[in-house]
Amino acid sequence: MADVTIEHGQLRVELEGMHKVWALKNTISVPVSHIVSASAGPISAADRPKGIRAPGTQIPGVFAAGTWHHNGEKVFWDVRDPGNAVVVELRDESYSRLVLEVENPQATVDLITAHIDR
């Protein structure tokens, strides 16, 4: 699970517990100005990670944590419960998308969208 905060114009994602080990990453920070959108909703089987996982961990149907490379995109995943997923679309960043499991998806989306420059 990830803890998402916004401070000083930066979106900060801090991975919790074993998620740090599975994803081989502790935190991700991106400028809020690089966020295109955020949405909540369950991740379907068709939306699951695709491509080459490097680095990270996956047990299909159980969890995905880490970085996936597919069709020129780099996507970060940290999801065990797809019903609690939030997708953050980015621009001008090494990751094109963050797919995160959070405690309260709608509250996380509301937090992010309240800070997005329109």
PDB file of N, CA and C in Angstrom:
ATOM      1  N   MET A   1       0.847  -1.170   0.000  1.00  0.00           N
ATOM      2  CA  MET A   1       0.000   0.000   0.000  1.00  0.00           C
ATOM      3  C   MET A   1       0.894   1.234   0.000  1.00  0.00           C
ATOM      4  N   ALA A   2       0.366   2.303  -0.538  1.00  0.00           N
ATOM      5  CA  ALA A   2       1.118   3.544  -0.650  1.00  0.00           C
ATOM      6  C   ALA A   2       0.422   4.655   0.125  1.00  0.00           C
ATOM      7  N   ASP A   3       1.233   5.513   0.701  1.00  0.00           N
ATOM      8  CA  ASP A   3       0.746   6.724   1.349  1.00  0.00           C
ATOM      9  C   ASP A   3       1.071   7.880   0.410  1.00  0.00           C
ATOM     10  N   VAL A   4       0.044   8.613  -0.005  1.00  0.00           N
ATOM     11  CA  VAL A   4       0.214   9.697  -0.974  1.00  0.00           C
ATOM     12  C   VAL A   4      -0.037  11.031  -0.283  1.00  0.00           C
ATOM     13  N   THR A   5       0.942  11.936  -0.413  1.00  0.00           N
ATOM     14  CA  THR A   5       0.809  13.277   0.152  1.00  0.00           C
ATOM     15  C   THR A   5       1.266  14.298  -0.882  1.00  0.00           C
ATOM     16  N   ILE A   6       0.885  15.535  -0.656  1.00  0.00           N
ATOM     17  CA  ILE A   6       1.357  16.638  -1.489  1.00  0.00           C
ATOM     18  C   ILE A   6       1.879  17.725  -0.559  1.00  0.00           C
ATOM     19  N   GLU A   7       3.165  18.065  -0.756  1.00  0.00           N
ATOM     20  CA  GLU A   7       3.802  19.116   0.025  1.00  0.00           C
ATOM     21  C   GLU A   7       4.758  19.890  -0.863  1.00  0.00           C
ATOM     22  N   HIS A   8       4.740  21.194  -0.729  1.00  0.00           N
ATOM     23  CA  HIS A   8       5.679  22.066  -1.440  1.00  0.00           C
ATOM     24  C   HIS A   8       5.673  21.803  -2.947  1.00  0.00           C
ATOM     25  N   GLY A   9       4.482  21.585  -3.504  1.00  0.00           N
ATOM     26  CA  GLY A   9       4.355  21.390  -4.938  1.00  0.00           C
ATOM     27  C   GLY A   9       4.812  20.034  -5.450  1.00  0.00           C
ATOM     28  N   GLN A  10       5.031  19.085  -4.544  1.00  0.00           N
ATOM     29  CA  GLN A  10       5.485  17.747  -4.924  1.00  0.00           C
ATOM     30  C   GLN A  10       4.477  16.683  -4.478  1.00  0.00           C
ATOM     31  N   LEU A  11       4.159  15.795  -5.395  1.00  0.00           N
ATOM     32  CA  LEU A  11       3.407  14.590  -5.041  1.00  0.00           C
ATOM     33  C   LEU A  11       4.435  13.613  -4.488  1.00  0.00           C
ATOM     34  N   ARG A  12       4.183  13.117  -3.299  1.00  0.00           N
ATOM     35  CA  ARG A  12       5.103  12.166  -2.672  1.00  0.00           C
ATOM     36  C   ARG A  12       4.356  10.868  -2.407  1.00  0.00           C
ATOM     37  N   VAL A  13       4.898   9.788  -2.945  1.00  0.00           N
ATOM     38  CA  VAL A  13       4.349   8.450  -2.742  1.00  0.00           C
ATOM     39  C   VAL A  13       5.344   7.696  -1.875  1.00  0.00           C
ATOM     40  N   GLU A  14       4.900   7.284  -0.710  1.00  0.00           N
ATOM     41  CA  GLU A  14       5.763   6.509   0.181  1.00  0.00           C
ATOM     42  C   GLU A  14       5.174   5.112   0.319  1.00  0.00           C
ATOM     43  N   LEU A  15       5.958   4.131  -0.059  1.00  0.00           N
ATOM     44  CA  LEU A  15       5.511   2.748   0.043  1.00  0.00           C
ATOM     45  C   LEU A  15       5.647   2.277   1.481  1.00  0.00           C
ATOM     46  N   GLU A  16       4.710   1.412   1.882  1.00  0.00           N
ATOM     47  CA  GLU A  16       4.663   0.963   3.262  1.00  0.00           C
ATOM     48  C   GLU A  16       5.028  -0.522   3.368  1.00  0.00           C
ATOM     49  N   GLY A  17       5.659  -0.874   4.486  1.00  0.00           N
ATOM     50  CA  GLY A  17       5.923  -2.272   4.815  1.00  0.00           C
ATOM     51  C   GLY A  17       6.686  -3.029   3.741  1.00  0.00           C
ATOM     52  N   MET A  18       6.213  -4.238   3.466  1.00  0.00           N
ATOM     53  CA  MET A  18       6.854  -5.121   2.497  1.00  0.00           C
ATOM     54  C   MET A  18       6.754  -4.601   1.067  1.00  0.00           C
ATOM     55  N   HIS A  19       5.875  -3.658   0.821  1.00  0.00           N
ATOM     56  CA  HIS A  19       5.750  -3.082  -0.522  1.00  0.00           C
ATOM     57  C   HIS A  19       7.073  -2.455  -0.963  1.00  0.00           C
ATOM     58  N   LYS A  20       7.831  -1.906  -0.007  1.00  0.00           N
ATOM     59  CA  LYS A  20       9.147  -1.351  -0.320  1.00  0.00           C
ATOM     60  C   LYS A  20      10.069  -2.429  -0.876  1.00  0.00           C
ATOM     61  N   VAL A  21      10.005  -3.606  -0.278  1.00  0.00           N
ATOM     62  CA  VAL A  21      10.854  -4.727  -0.693  1.00  0.00           C
ATOM     63  C   VAL A  21      10.393  -5.246  -2.051  1.00  0.00           C
ATOM     64  N   TRP A  22       9.091  -5.452  -2.207  1.00  0.00           N
ATOM     65  CA  TRP A  22       8.556  -6.009  -3.454  1.00  0.00           C
ATOM     66  C   TRP A  22       8.820  -5.087  -4.635  1.00  0.00           C
ATOM     67  N   ALA A  23       8.660  -3.776  -4.423  1.00  0.00           N
ATOM     68  CA  ALA A  23       8.825  -2.806  -5.509  1.00  0.00           C
ATOM     69  C   ALA A  23      10.279  -2.376  -5.701  1.00  0.00           C
ATOM     70  N   LEU A  24      11.129  -2.703  -4.734  1.00  0.00           N
ATOM     71  CA  LEU A  24      12.523  -2.263  -4.748  1.00  0.00           C
ATOM     72  C   LEU A  24      12.625  -0.738  -4.829  1.00  0.00           C
ATOM     73  N   LYS A  25      11.718  -0.090  -4.083  1.00  0.00           N
ATOM     74  CA  LYS A  25      11.670   1.374  -4.067  1.00  0.00           C
ATOM     75  C   LYS A  25      10.976   1.803  -2.782  1.00  0.00           C
ATOM     76  N   ASN A  26      11.434   2.909  -2.195  1.00  0.00           N
ATOM     77  CA  ASN A  26      10.816   3.445  -0.982  1.00  0.00           C
ATOM     78  C   ASN A  26       9.827   4.557  -1.278  1.00  0.00           C
ATOM     79  N   THR A  27      10.266   5.499  -2.114  1.00  0.00           N
ATOM     80  CA  THR A  27       9.440   6.672  -2.388  1.00  0.00           C
ATOM     81  C   THR A  27       9.556   7.086  -3.854  1.00  0.00           C
ATOM     82  N   ILE A  28       8.538   7.815  -4.272  1.00  0.00           N
ATOM     83  CA  ILE A  28       8.541   8.464  -5.585  1.00  0.00           C
ATOM     84  C   ILE A  28       8.061   9.885  -5.347  1.00  0.00           C
ATOM     85  N   SER A  29       8.751  10.849  -5.920  1.00  0.00           N
ATOM     86  CA  SER A  29       8.328  12.253  -5.846  1.00  0.00           C
ATOM     87  C   SER A  29       8.282  12.824  -7.245  1.00  0.00           C
ATOM     88  N   VAL A  30       7.195  13.531  -7.545  1.00  0.00           N
ATOM     89  CA  VAL A  30       7.066  14.216  -8.832  1.00  0.00           C
ATOM     90  C   VAL A  30       6.430  15.576  -8.599  1.00  0.00           C
ATOM     91  N   PRO A  31       6.799  16.561  -9.392  1.00  0.00           N
ATOM     92  CA  PRO A  31       6.150  17.865  -9.271  1.00  0.00           C
ATOM     93  C   PRO A  31       4.658  17.749  -9.620  1.00  0.00           C
ATOM     94  N   VAL A  32       3.849  18.432  -8.856  1.00  0.00           N
ATOM     95  CA  VAL A  32       2.408  18.422  -9.131  1.00  0.00           C
ATOM     96  C   VAL A  32       2.133  18.920 -10.544  1.00  0.00           C
ATOM     97  N   SER A  33       2.955  19.820 -11.041  1.00  0.00           N
ATOM     98  CA  SER A  33       2.752  20.360 -12.393  1.00  0.00           C
ATOM     99  C   SER A  33       2.933  19.301 -13.482  1.00  0.00           C
ATOM    100  N   HIS A  34       3.477  18.143 -13.145  1.00  0.00           N
ATOM    101  CA  HIS A  34       3.663  17.058 -14.115  1.00  0.00           C
ATOM    102  C   HIS A  34       2.544  16.031 -14.069  1.00  0.00           C
ATOM    103  N   ILE A  35       1.545  16.267 -13.227  1.00  0.00           N
ATOM    104  CA  ILE A  35       0.403  15.355 -13.145  1.00  0.00           C
ATOM    105  C   ILE A  35      -0.629  15.767 -14.178  1.00  0.00           C
ATOM    106  N   VAL A  36      -1.035  14.820 -15.014  1.00  0.00           N
ATOM    107  CA  VAL A  36      -2.059  15.064 -16.028  1.00  0.00           C
ATOM    108  C   VAL A  36      -3.434  14.807 -15.438  1.00  0.00           C
ATOM    109  N   SER A  37      -3.588  13.668 -14.738  1.00  0.00           N
ATOM    110  CA  SER A  37      -4.882  13.312 -14.169  1.00  0.00           C
ATOM    111  C   SER A  37      -4.698  12.236 -13.107  1.00  0.00           C
ATOM    112  N   ALA A  38      -5.753  12.047 -12.339  1.00  0.00           N
ATOM    113  CA  ALA A  38      -5.793  10.970 -11.354  1.00  0.00           C
ATOM    114  C   ALA A  38      -7.190  10.396 -11.369  1.00  0.00           C
ATOM    115  N   SER A  39      -7.275   9.072 -11.292  1.00  0.00           N
ATOM    116  CA  SER A  39      -8.583   8.424 -11.284  1.00  0.00           C
ATOM    117  C   SER A  39      -8.556   7.228 -10.349  1.00  0.00           C
ATOM    118  N   ALA A  40      -9.722   6.931  -9.806  1.00  0.00           N
ATOM    119  CA  ALA A  40      -9.871   5.788  -8.905  1.00  0.00           C
ATOM    120  C   ALA A  40     -10.771   4.765  -9.567  1.00  0.00           C
ATOM    121  N   GLY A  41     -10.570   3.557  -9.212  1.00  0.00           N
ATOM    122  CA  GLY A  41     -11.453   2.511  -9.728  1.00  0.00           C
ATOM    123  C   GLY A  41     -10.736   1.197  -9.784  1.00  0.00           C
ATOM    124  N   PRO A  42     -11.493   0.151  -9.781  1.00  0.00           N
ATOM    125  CA  PRO A  42     -10.855  -1.162  -9.815  1.00  0.00           C
ATOM    126  C   PRO A  42     -10.068  -1.378 -11.101  1.00  0.00           C
ATOM    127  N   ILE A  43      -8.959  -2.055 -10.976  1.00  0.00           N
ATOM    128  CA  ILE A  43      -8.126  -2.411 -12.118  1.00  0.00           C
ATOM    129  C   ILE A  43      -8.618  -3.757 -12.637  1.00  0.00           C
ATOM    130  N   SER A  44      -8.960  -3.813 -13.908  1.00  0.00           N
ATOM    131  CA  SER A  44      -9.433  -5.068 -14.493  1.00  0.00           C
ATOM    132  C   SER A  44      -8.247  -5.923 -14.913  1.00  0.00           C
ATOM    133  N   ALA A  45      -8.516  -7.178 -15.221  1.00  0.00           N
ATOM    134  CA  ALA A  45      -7.453  -8.085 -15.675  1.00  0.00           C
ATOM    135  C   ALA A  45      -6.776  -7.535 -16.927  1.00  0.00           C
ATOM    136  N   ALA A  46      -7.535  -6.865 -17.792  1.00  0.00           N
ATOM    137  CA  ALA A  46      -6.975  -6.307 -19.025  1.00  0.00           C
ATOM    138  C   ALA A  46      -6.017  -5.151 -18.743  1.00  0.00           C
ATOM    139  N   ASP A  47      -6.180  -4.500 -17.585  1.00  0.00           N
ATOM    140  CA  ASP A  47      -5.342  -3.358 -17.234  1.00  0.00           C
ATOM    141  C   ASP A  47      -4.104  -3.740 -16.430  1.00  0.00           C
ATOM    142  N   ARG A  48      -3.960  -4.999 -16.120  1.00  0.00           N
ATOM    143  CA  ARG A  48      -2.817  -5.453 -15.313  1.00  0.00           C
ATOM    144  C   ARG A  48      -1.504  -5.147 -16.000  1.00  0.00           C
ATOM    145  N   PRO A  49      -0.390  -5.196 -15.256  1.00  0.00           N
ATOM    146  CA  PRO A  49       0.909  -4.847 -15.839  1.00  0.00           C
ATOM    147  C   PRO A  49       1.242  -5.671 -17.079  1.00  0.00           C
ATOM    148  N   LYS A  50       1.827  -4.993 -18.055  1.00  0.00           N
ATOM    149  CA  LYS A  50       2.242  -5.636 -19.300  1.00  0.00           C
ATOM    150  C   LYS A  50       3.693  -5.265 -19.566  1.00  0.00           C
ATOM    151  N   GLY A  51       4.375  -6.107 -20.302  1.00  0.00           N
ATOM    152  CA  GLY A  51       5.739  -5.796 -20.691  1.00  0.00           C
ATOM    153  C   GLY A  51       6.760  -6.449 -19.801  1.00  0.00           C
ATOM    154  N   ILE A  52       7.903  -5.820 -19.728  1.00  0.00           N
ATOM    155  CA  ILE A  52       9.038  -6.352 -18.988  1.00  0.00           C
ATOM    156  C   ILE A  52       9.093  -5.696 -17.615  1.00  0.00           C
ATOM    157  N   ARG A  53       9.149  -6.518 -16.591  1.00  0.00           N
ATOM    158  CA  ARG A  53       9.240  -6.035 -15.209  1.00  0.00           C
ATOM    159  C   ARG A  53      10.716  -5.897 -14.856  1.00  0.00           C
ATOM    160  N   ALA A  54      11.118  -4.698 -14.513  1.00  0.00           N
ATOM    161  CA  ALA A  54      12.514  -4.487 -14.152  1.00  0.00           C
ATOM    162  C   ALA A  54      12.690  -3.145 -13.483  1.00  0.00           C
ATOM    163  N   PRO A  55      12.926  -3.072 -12.219  1.00  0.00           N
ATOM    164  CA  PRO A  55      12.895  -4.131 -11.229  1.00  0.00           C
ATOM    165  C   PRO A  55      11.522  -4.226 -10.588  1.00  0.00           C
ATOM    166  N   GLY A  56      11.280  -5.313  -9.884  1.00  0.00           N
ATOM    167  CA  GLY A  56      10.021  -5.468  -9.173  1.00  0.00           C
ATOM    168  C   GLY A  56       9.676  -6.912  -8.924  1.00  0.00           C
ATOM    169  N   THR A  57       8.466  -7.114  -8.416  1.00  0.00           N
ATOM    170  CA  THR A  57       7.989  -8.429  -8.030  1.00  0.00           C
ATOM    171  C   THR A  57       6.542  -8.574  -8.472  1.00  0.00           C
ATOM    172  N   GLN A  58       6.186  -9.766  -8.927  1.00  0.00           N
ATOM    173  CA  GLN A  58       4.799 -10.016  -9.300  1.00  0.00           C
ATOM    174  C   GLN A  58       4.445 -11.461  -9.030  1.00  0.00           C
ATOM    175  N   ILE A  59       3.269 -11.649  -8.445  1.00  0.00           N
ATOM    176  CA  ILE A  59       2.628 -12.949  -8.383  1.00  0.00           C
ATOM    177  C   ILE A  59       1.296 -12.733  -9.096  1.00  0.00           C
ATOM    178  N   PRO A  60       1.163 -13.245 -10.342  1.00  0.00           N
ATOM    179  CA  PRO A  60      -0.046 -12.972 -11.127  1.00  0.00           C
ATOM    180  C   PRO A  60      -1.328 -13.290 -10.343  1.00  0.00           C
ATOM    181  N   GLY A  61      -2.238 -12.333 -10.381  1.00  0.00           N
ATOM    182  CA  GLY A  61      -3.510 -12.470  -9.687  1.00  0.00           C
ATOM    183  C   GLY A  61      -3.436 -12.151  -8.207  1.00  0.00           C
ATOM    184  N   VAL A  62      -2.220 -11.897  -7.679  1.00  0.00           N
ATOM    185  CA  VAL A  62      -2.066 -11.610  -6.252  1.00  0.00           C
ATOM    186  C   VAL A  62      -1.568 -10.185  -6.031  1.00  0.00           C
ATOM    187  N   PHE A  63      -0.431  -9.821  -6.633  1.00  0.00           N
ATOM    188  CA  PHE A  63       0.061  -8.457  -6.516  1.00  0.00           C
ATOM    189  C   PHE A  63       1.097  -8.158  -7.587  1.00  0.00           C
ATOM    190  N   ALA A  64       1.270  -6.875  -7.800  1.00  0.00           N
ATOM    191  CA  ALA A  64       2.299  -6.368  -8.714  1.00  0.00           C
ATOM    192  C   ALA A  64       2.938  -5.166  -8.030  1.00  0.00           C
ATOM    193  N   ALA A  65       4.268  -5.176  -7.990  1.00  0.00           N
ATOM    194  CA  ALA A  65       4.983  -4.071  -7.356  1.00  0.00           C
ATOM    195  C   ALA A  65       6.294  -3.849  -8.090  1.00  0.00           C
ATOM    196  N   GLY A  66       6.482  -2.646  -8.582  1.00  0.00           N
ATOM    197  CA  GLY A  66       7.725  -2.322  -9.263  1.00  0.00           C
ATOM    198  C   GLY A  66       7.495  -1.603 -10.568  1.00  0.00           C
ATOM    199  N   THR A  67       8.479  -1.682 -11.445  1.00  0.00           N
ATOM    200  CA  THR A  67       8.482  -0.938 -12.700  1.00  0.00           C
ATOM    201  C   THR A  67       8.291  -1.885 -13.872  1.00  0.00           C
ATOM    202  N   TRP A  68       7.386  -1.506 -14.785  1.00  0.00           N
ATOM    203  CA  TRP A  68       7.145  -2.262 -16.014  1.00  0.00           C
ATOM    204  C   TRP A  68       7.450  -1.375 -17.213  1.00  0.00           C
ATOM    205  N   HIS A  69       8.066  -1.963 -18.224  1.00  0.00           N
ATOM    206  CA  HIS A  69       8.410  -1.272 -19.472  1.00  0.00           C
ATOM    207  C   HIS A  69       7.611  -1.922 -20.589  1.00  0.00           C
ATOM    208  N   HIS A  70       6.819  -1.104 -21.312  1.00  0.00           N
ATOM    209  CA  HIS A  70       5.981  -1.649 -22.384  1.00  0.00           C
ATOM    210  C   HIS A  70       5.718  -0.563 -23.419  1.00  0.00           C
ATOM    211  N   ASN A  71       6.000  -0.875 -24.680  1.00  0.00           N
ATOM    212  CA  ASN A  71       5.757   0.061 -25.789  1.00  0.00           C
ATOM    213  C   ASN A  71       6.315   1.456 -25.526  1.00  0.00           C
ATOM    214  N   GLY A  72       7.526   1.505 -25.014  1.00  0.00           N
ATOM    215  CA  GLY A  72       8.183   2.789 -24.785  1.00  0.00           C
ATOM    216  C   GLY A  72       7.744   3.529 -23.539  1.00  0.00           C
ATOM    217  N   GLU A  73       6.842   2.948 -22.763  1.00  0.00           N
ATOM    218  CA  GLU A  73       6.387   3.577 -21.525  1.00  0.00           C
ATOM    219  C   GLU A  73       6.979   2.850 -20.326  1.00  0.00           C
ATOM    220  N   LYS A  74       7.147   3.610 -19.267  1.00  0.00           N
ATOM    221  CA  LYS A  74       7.599   3.050 -17.997  1.00  0.00           C
ATOM    222  C   LYS A  74       6.502   3.346 -16.981  1.00  0.00           C
ATOM    223  N   VAL A  75       5.949   2.283 -16.382  1.00  0.00           N
ATOM    224  CA  VAL A  75       4.821   2.419 -15.464  1.00  0.00           C
ATOM    225  C   VAL A  75       5.200   1.809 -14.117  1.00  0.00           C
ATOM    226  N   PHE A  76       4.908   2.538 -13.041  1.00  0.00           N
ATOM    227  CA  PHE A  76       5.147   2.017 -11.702  1.00  0.00           C
ATOM    228  C   PHE A  76       3.855   1.435 -11.148  1.00  0.00           C
ATOM    229  N   TRP A  77       3.948   0.216 -10.611  1.00  0.00           N
ATOM    230  CA  TRP A  77       2.806  -0.482 -10.009  1.00  0.00           C
ATOM    231  C   TRP A  77       3.095  -0.786  -8.548  1.00  0.00           C
ATOM    232  N   ASP A  78       2.083  -0.629  -7.715  1.00  0.00           N
ATOM    233  CA  ASP A  78       2.102  -1.153  -6.349  1.00  0.00           C
ATOM    234  C   ASP A  78       0.660  -1.454  -5.968  1.00  0.00           C
ATOM    235  N   VAL A  79       0.190  -2.644  -6.360  1.00  0.00           N
ATOM    236  CA  VAL A  79      -1.217  -2.999  -6.170  1.00  0.00           C
ATOM    237  C   VAL A  79      -1.346  -4.453  -5.723  1.00  0.00           C
ATOM    238  N   ARG A  80      -2.045  -4.650  -4.611  1.00  0.00           N
ATOM    239  CA  ARG A  80      -2.478  -5.984  -4.185  1.00  0.00           C
ATOM    240  C   ARG A  80      -3.993  -6.093  -4.353  1.00  0.00           C
ATOM    241  N   ASP A  81      -4.714  -5.073  -3.919  1.00  0.00           N
ATOM    242  CA  ASP A  81      -6.175  -5.061  -4.015  1.00  0.00           C
ATOM    243  C   ASP A  81      -6.567  -4.092  -5.130  1.00  0.00           C
ATOM    244  N   PRO A  82      -6.936  -4.621  -6.313  1.00  0.00           N
ATOM    245  CA  PRO A  82      -7.256  -3.735  -7.438  1.00  0.00           C
ATOM    246  C   PRO A  82      -8.470  -2.844  -7.188  1.00  0.00           C
ATOM    247  N   GLY A  83      -9.284  -3.162  -6.209  1.00  0.00           N
ATOM    248  CA  GLY A  83     -10.430  -2.325  -5.865  1.00  0.00           C
ATOM    249  C   GLY A  83     -10.035  -1.028  -5.180  1.00  0.00           C
ATOM    250  N   ASN A  84      -8.807  -0.957  -4.669  1.00  0.00           N
ATOM    251  CA  ASN A  84      -8.316   0.251  -3.993  1.00  0.00           C
ATOM    252  C   ASN A  84      -7.251   0.968  -4.812  1.00  0.00           C
ATOM    253  N   ALA A  85      -7.325   0.820  -6.122  1.00  0.00           N
ATOM    254  CA  ALA A  85      -6.290   1.382  -6.990  1.00  0.00           C
ATOM    255  C   ALA A  85      -6.593   2.816  -7.400  1.00  0.00           C
ATOM    256  N   VAL A  86      -5.527   3.572  -7.542  1.00  0.00           N
ATOM    257  CA  VAL A  86      -5.558   4.923  -8.083  1.00  0.00           C
ATOM    258  C   VAL A  86      -4.535   4.959  -9.220  1.00  0.00           C
ATOM    259  N   VAL A  87      -4.917   5.570 -10.340  1.00  0.00           N
ATOM    260  CA  VAL A  87      -4.015   5.716 -11.478  1.00  0.00           C
ATOM    261  C   VAL A  87      -3.695   7.193 -11.636  1.00  0.00           C
ATOM    262  N   VAL A  88      -2.405   7.513 -11.612  1.00  0.00           N
ATOM    263  CA  VAL A  88      -1.945   8.891 -11.773  1.00  0.00           C
ATOM    264  C   VAL A  88      -1.183   8.964 -13.098  1.00  0.00           C
ATOM    265  N   GLU A  89      -1.723   9.726 -14.041  1.00  0.00           N
ATOM    266  CA  GLU A  89      -1.084   9.913 -15.354  1.00  0.00           C
ATOM    267  C   GLU A  89      -0.118  11.085 -15.253  1.00  0.00           C
ATOM    268  N   LEU A  90       1.095  10.901 -15.796  1.00  0.00           N
ATOM    269  CA  LEU A  90       2.147  11.909 -15.684  1.00  0.00           C
ATOM    270  C   LEU A  90       2.656  12.350 -17.051  1.00  0.00           C
ATOM    271  N   ARG A  91       3.275  13.528 -17.086  1.00  0.00           N
ATOM    272  CA  ARG A  91       3.968  13.997 -18.287  1.00  0.00           C
ATOM    273  C   ARG A  91       5.344  14.503 -17.856  1.00  0.00           C
ATOM    274  N   ASP A  92       6.282  14.444 -18.787  1.00  0.00           N
ATOM    275  CA  ASP A  92       7.634  14.957 -18.538  1.00  0.00           C
ATOM    276  C   ASP A  92       8.304  14.303 -17.331  1.00  0.00           C
ATOM    277  N   GLU A  93       8.011  13.020 -17.121  1.00  0.00           N
ATOM    278  CA  GLU A  93       8.616  12.255 -16.028  1.00  0.00           C
ATOM    279  C   GLU A  93       9.124  10.937 -16.588  1.00  0.00           C
ATOM    280  N   SER A  94      10.001  10.274 -15.859  1.00  0.00           N
ATOM    281  CA  SER A  94      10.471   8.967 -16.329  1.00  0.00           C
ATOM    282  C   SER A  94       9.330   7.955 -16.328  1.00  0.00           C
ATOM    283  N   TYR A  95       8.427   8.039 -15.351  1.00  0.00           N
ATOM    284  CA  TYR A  95       7.227   7.196 -15.350  1.00  0.00           C
ATOM    285  C   TYR A  95       6.112   7.923 -16.096  1.00  0.00           C
ATOM    286  N   SER A  96       5.399   7.203 -16.939  1.00  0.00           N
ATOM    287  CA  SER A  96       4.237   7.799 -17.602  1.00  0.00           C
ATOM    288  C   SER A  96       2.978   7.637 -16.757  1.00  0.00           C
ATOM    289  N   ARG A  97       3.036   6.703 -15.817  1.00  0.00           N
ATOM    290  CA  ARG A  97       1.846   6.410 -15.014  1.00  0.00           C
ATOM    291  C   ARG A  97       2.273   5.763 -13.696  1.00  0.00           C
ATOM    292  N   LEU A  98       1.534   6.083 -12.629  1.00  0.00           N
ATOM    293  CA  LEU A  98       1.678   5.415 -11.344  1.00  0.00           C
ATOM    294  C   LEU A  98       0.364   4.714 -11.052  1.00  0.00           C
ATOM    295  N   VAL A  99       0.422   3.432 -10.763  1.00  0.00           N
ATOM    296  CA  VAL A  99      -0.777   2.666 -10.408  1.00  0.00           C
ATOM    297  C   VAL A  99      -0.557   2.197  -8.976  1.00  0.00           C
ATOM    298  N   LEU A 100      -1.338   2.760  -8.058  1.00  0.00           N
ATOM    299  CA  LEU A 100      -1.070   2.607  -6.633  1.00  0.00           C
ATOM    300  C   LEU A 100      -2.283   2.095  -5.880  1.00  0.00           C
ATOM    301  N   GLU A 101      -2.051   1.226  -4.931  1.00  0.00           N
ATOM    302  CA  GLU A 101      -3.100   0.842  -3.992  1.00  0.00           C
ATOM    303  C   GLU A 101      -3.009   1.773  -2.798  1.00  0.00           C
ATOM    304  N   VAL A 102      -4.141   2.396  -2.464  1.00  0.00           N
ATOM    305  CA  VAL A 102      -4.193   3.326  -1.340  1.00  0.00           C
ATOM    306  C   VAL A 102      -5.360   2.950  -0.443  1.00  0.00           C
ATOM    307  N   GLU A 103      -5.343   3.481   0.764  1.00  0.00           N
ATOM    308  CA  GLU A 103      -6.401   3.163   1.726  1.00  0.00           C
ATOM    309  C   GLU A 103      -7.759   3.697   1.277  1.00  0.00           C
ATOM    310  N   ASN A 104      -7.775   4.943   0.796  1.00  0.00           N
ATOM    311  CA  ASN A 104      -9.030   5.568   0.379  1.00  0.00           C
ATOM    312  C   ASN A 104      -8.843   6.164  -1.016  1.00  0.00           C
ATOM    313  N   PRO A 105      -9.175   5.400  -2.074  1.00  0.00           N
ATOM    314  CA  PRO A 105      -8.924   5.877  -3.434  1.00  0.00           C
ATOM    315  C   PRO A 105      -9.566   7.216  -3.768  1.00  0.00           C
ATOM    316  N   GLN A 106     -10.822   7.404  -3.412  1.00  0.00           N
ATOM    317  CA  GLN A 106     -11.481   8.653  -3.802  1.00  0.00           C
ATOM    318  C   GLN A 106     -10.879   9.848  -3.087  1.00  0.00           C
ATOM    319  N   ALA A 107     -10.534   9.706  -1.818  1.00  0.00           N
ATOM    320  CA  ALA A 107      -9.895  10.807  -1.092  1.00  0.00           C
ATOM    321  C   ALA A 107      -8.535  11.138  -1.698  1.00  0.00           C
ATOM    322  N   THR A 108      -7.806  10.123  -2.157  1.00  0.00           N
ATOM    323  CA  THR A 108      -6.506  10.344  -2.786  1.00  0.00           C
ATOM    324  C   THR A 108      -6.672  11.079  -4.104  1.00  0.00           C
ATOM    325  N   VAL A 109      -7.643  10.667  -4.904  1.00  0.00           N
ATOM    326  CA  VAL A 109      -7.911  11.352  -6.174  1.00  0.00           C
ATOM    327  C   VAL A 109      -8.326  12.796  -5.910  1.00  0.00           C
ATOM    328  N   ASP A 110      -9.180  13.015  -4.929  1.00  0.00           N
ATOM    329  CA  ASP A 110      -9.608  14.373  -4.598  1.00  0.00           C
ATOM    330  C   ASP A 110      -8.424  15.241  -4.180  1.00  0.00           C
ATOM    331  N   LEU A 111      -7.522  14.691  -3.380  1.00  0.00           N
ATOM    332  CA  LEU A 111      -6.321  15.418  -2.966  1.00  0.00           C
ATOM    333  C   LEU A 111      -5.486  15.829  -4.173  1.00  0.00           C
ATOM    334  N   ILE A 112      -5.252  14.868  -5.062  1.00  0.00           N
ATOM    335  CA  ILE A 112      -4.409  15.140  -6.226  1.00  0.00           C
ATOM    336  C   ILE A 112      -5.066  16.143  -7.166  1.00  0.00           C
ATOM    337  N   THR A 113      -6.335  15.922  -7.492  1.00  0.00           N
ATOM    338  CA  THR A 113      -6.994  16.806  -8.474  1.00  0.00           C
ATOM    339  C   THR A 113      -7.154  18.240  -7.926  1.00  0.00           C
ATOM    340  N   ALA A 114      -7.220  18.379  -6.616  1.00  0.00           N
ATOM    341  CA  ALA A 114      -7.306  19.726  -6.033  1.00  0.00           C
ATOM    342  C   ALA A 114      -6.025  20.526  -6.257  1.00  0.00           C
ATOM    343  N   HIS A 115      -4.916  19.838  -6.539  1.00  0.00           N
ATOM    344  CA  HIS A 115      -3.627  20.514  -6.729  1.00  0.00           C
ATOM    345  C   HIS A 115      -3.164  20.590  -8.170  1.00  0.00           C
ATOM    346  N   ILE A 116      -3.885  19.966  -9.079  1.00  0.00           N
ATOM    347  CA  ILE A 116      -3.474  19.964 -10.482  1.00  0.00           C
ATOM    348  C   ILE A 116      -3.725  21.340 -11.095  1.00  0.00           C
ATOM    349  N   ASP A 117      -2.721  21.873 -11.792  1.00  0.00           N
ATOM    350  CA  ASP A 117      -2.892  23.135 -12.509  1.00  0.00           C
ATOM    351  C   ASP A 117      -3.835  22.916 -13.685  1.00  0.00           C
ATOM    352  N   ARG A 118      -4.786  23.760 -13.814  1.00  0.00           N
ATOM    353  CA  ARG A 118      -5.763  23.623 -14.917  1.00  0.00           C
ATOM    354  C   ARG A 118      -5.526  24.727 -15.908  1.00  0.00           C
TER     355      ARG A 118
END
